[in-house]
Amino acid sequence: MFSVPREITKEERRITVTDCANATLRYVEAGFNGGEIRGAKGYLLDKFLTDFANAKEDEYGGTIQNHIRFHCEVLESVFEVVGGKIKFSYCILKFFYIFTSQSSSALFLFF
């Protein structure tokens, strides 16, 4: 019924960043005046913030700067497309992490 979770590959991360930029372009072309990037509540970006879901030992895990690297890549691609044409909000963090994640104090202080 469900597949076993696995790590996202570098190629899948690259594709996701491109997909986010392309989706943003469609927003702009459709005439929307704003949108939101979901980086919390269990969505893909959310998984990079916590030690529980992100046990990576590469450039996307370990330090808080590495944990947010994928977020930054997505945001940069989106803002490159938006170029000030429309407003986007960015929803990040949920308080559950502040109390349970091993990197919680670093994450809390970072934001």
Protein backbone atom coordinates (compact mmCIF):
# COMPACT_ATOMS: atom_id res chain seq x y z
CA MET A 1 0.00 0.00 0.00
CA PHE A 2 2.68 2.52 1.00
CA SER A 3 6.27 2.58 -0.13
CA VAL A 4 9.20 2.61 2.25
CA PRO A 5 10.55 6.15 2.68
CA ARG A 6 13.93 6.84 1.14
CA GLU A 7 16.31 9.74 0.81
CA ILE A 8 15.72 12.18 -1.99
CA THR A 9 18.54 12.06 -4.52
CA LYS A 10 20.59 15.03 -5.69
CA GLU A 11 18.91 14.76 -9.09
CA GLU A 12 15.44 14.75 -7.49
CA ARG A 13 16.37 17.84 -5.46
CA ARG A 14 17.53 19.59 -8.64
CA ILE A 15 14.31 18.61 -10.42
CA THR A 16 12.22 19.82 -7.47
CA VAL A 17 13.94 23.22 -7.49
CA THR A 18 13.28 23.51 -11.23
CA ASP A 19 9.66 22.39 -10.77
CA CYS A 20 9.10 25.06 -8.11
CA ALA A 21 10.47 27.74 -10.44
CA ASN A 22 8.28 26.49 -13.30
CA ALA A 23 5.18 26.42 -11.08
CA THR A 24 5.92 29.98 -10.00
CA LEU A 25 6.22 31.06 -13.63
CA ARG A 26 2.76 29.58 -14.29
CA TYR A 27 1.42 31.55 -11.30
CA VAL A 28 2.80 34.78 -12.74
CA GLU A 29 1.54 34.01 -16.25
CA ALA A 30 -1.93 33.15 -14.92
CA GLY A 31 -2.20 36.57 -13.32
CA PHE A 32 -2.21 35.57 -9.66
CA ASN A 33 -1.16 38.35 -7.31
CA GLY A 34 0.44 36.10 -4.71
CA GLY A 35 1.19 32.63 -3.50
CA GLU A 36 2.69 30.65 -0.65
CA ILE A 37 5.55 28.21 -0.38
CA ARG A 38 4.83 25.56 2.22
CA GLY A 39 7.91 24.67 4.22
CA ALA A 40 6.10 23.26 7.26
CA LYS A 41 3.46 20.75 8.32
CA GLY A 42 5.08 17.67 6.77
CA TYR A 43 5.59 18.96 3.25
CA LEU A 44 8.84 18.10 1.46
CA LEU A 45 10.79 21.18 2.55
CA ASP A 46 9.73 20.54 6.13
CA LYS A 47 11.52 17.21 6.10
CA PHE A 48 14.89 18.91 5.73
CA LEU A 49 14.56 20.89 8.99
CA THR A 50 14.44 18.17 11.59
CA ASP A 51 16.98 15.61 12.71
CA PHE A 52 14.19 13.03 12.78
CA ALA A 53 13.52 13.14 9.05
CA ASN A 54 16.87 14.47 7.86
CA ALA A 55 19.74 12.26 8.97
CA LYS A 56 21.81 13.22 5.97
CA GLU A 57 25.55 13.45 6.31
CA ASP A 58 26.05 15.49 3.15
CA GLU A 59 25.66 19.21 2.46
CA TYR A 60 21.94 18.99 3.38
CA GLY A 61 22.30 17.58 6.90
CA GLY A 62 24.13 18.21 10.15
CA THR A 63 24.32 21.96 10.77
CA ILE A 64 21.34 24.28 10.65
CA GLN A 65 22.86 25.98 7.61
CA ASN A 66 22.88 22.63 5.83
CA HIS A 67 19.35 21.80 6.97
CA ILE A 68 18.01 24.97 5.33
CA ARG A 69 20.12 24.70 2.17
CA PHE A 70 17.32 23.06 0.14
CA HIS A 71 14.88 25.73 1.35
CA CYS A 72 17.25 28.43 0.12
CA GLU A 73 17.66 26.75 -3.26
CA VAL A 74 13.89 26.58 -3.74
CA LEU A 75 13.35 30.15 -2.57
CA GLU A 76 16.11 31.50 -4.81
CA SER A 77 14.58 29.77 -7.84
CA VAL A 78 11.12 31.11 -7.03
CA PHE A 79 12.26 34.67 -6.37
CA GLU A 80 14.32 34.64 -9.55
CA VAL A 81 11.09 33.99 -11.48
CA VAL A 82 8.91 36.32 -9.43
CA GLY A 83 11.28 39.27 -9.69
CA GLY A 84 8.96 41.43 -7.59
CA LYS A 85 5.96 40.84 -9.89
CA ILE A 86 3.85 39.14 -7.22
CA LYS A 87 4.08 38.52 -3.49
CA PHE A 88 4.93 35.16 -2.00
CA SER A 89 4.79 34.12 1.61
CA TYR A 90 6.96 31.37 2.99
CA CYS A 91 5.51 29.17 5.70
CA ILE A 92 8.19 27.47 7.76
CA LEU A 93 8.57 25.76 11.10
CA LYS A 94 6.20 24.23 13.52
CA PHE A 95 6.61 24.44 17.25
CA PHE A 96 6.82 20.66 17.58
CA TYR A 97 10.42 20.87 16.40
CA ILE A 98 11.33 23.49 18.93
CA PHE A 99 10.60 21.06 21.72
CA THR A 100 11.68 17.74 20.21
CA SER A 101 14.41 18.12 17.59
CA GLN A 102 18.02 17.75 18.66
CA SER A 103 18.83 20.78 16.54
CA SER A 104 15.88 22.68 18.02
CA SER A 105 17.83 25.40 19.79
CA ALA A 106 19.92 26.12 16.68
CA LEU A 107 16.81 26.11 14.50
CA PHE A 108 14.90 28.37 16.90
CA LEU A 109 17.79 30.84 17.17
CA PHE A 110 18.36 30.81 13.43
CA PHE A 111 14.83 31.98 12.72
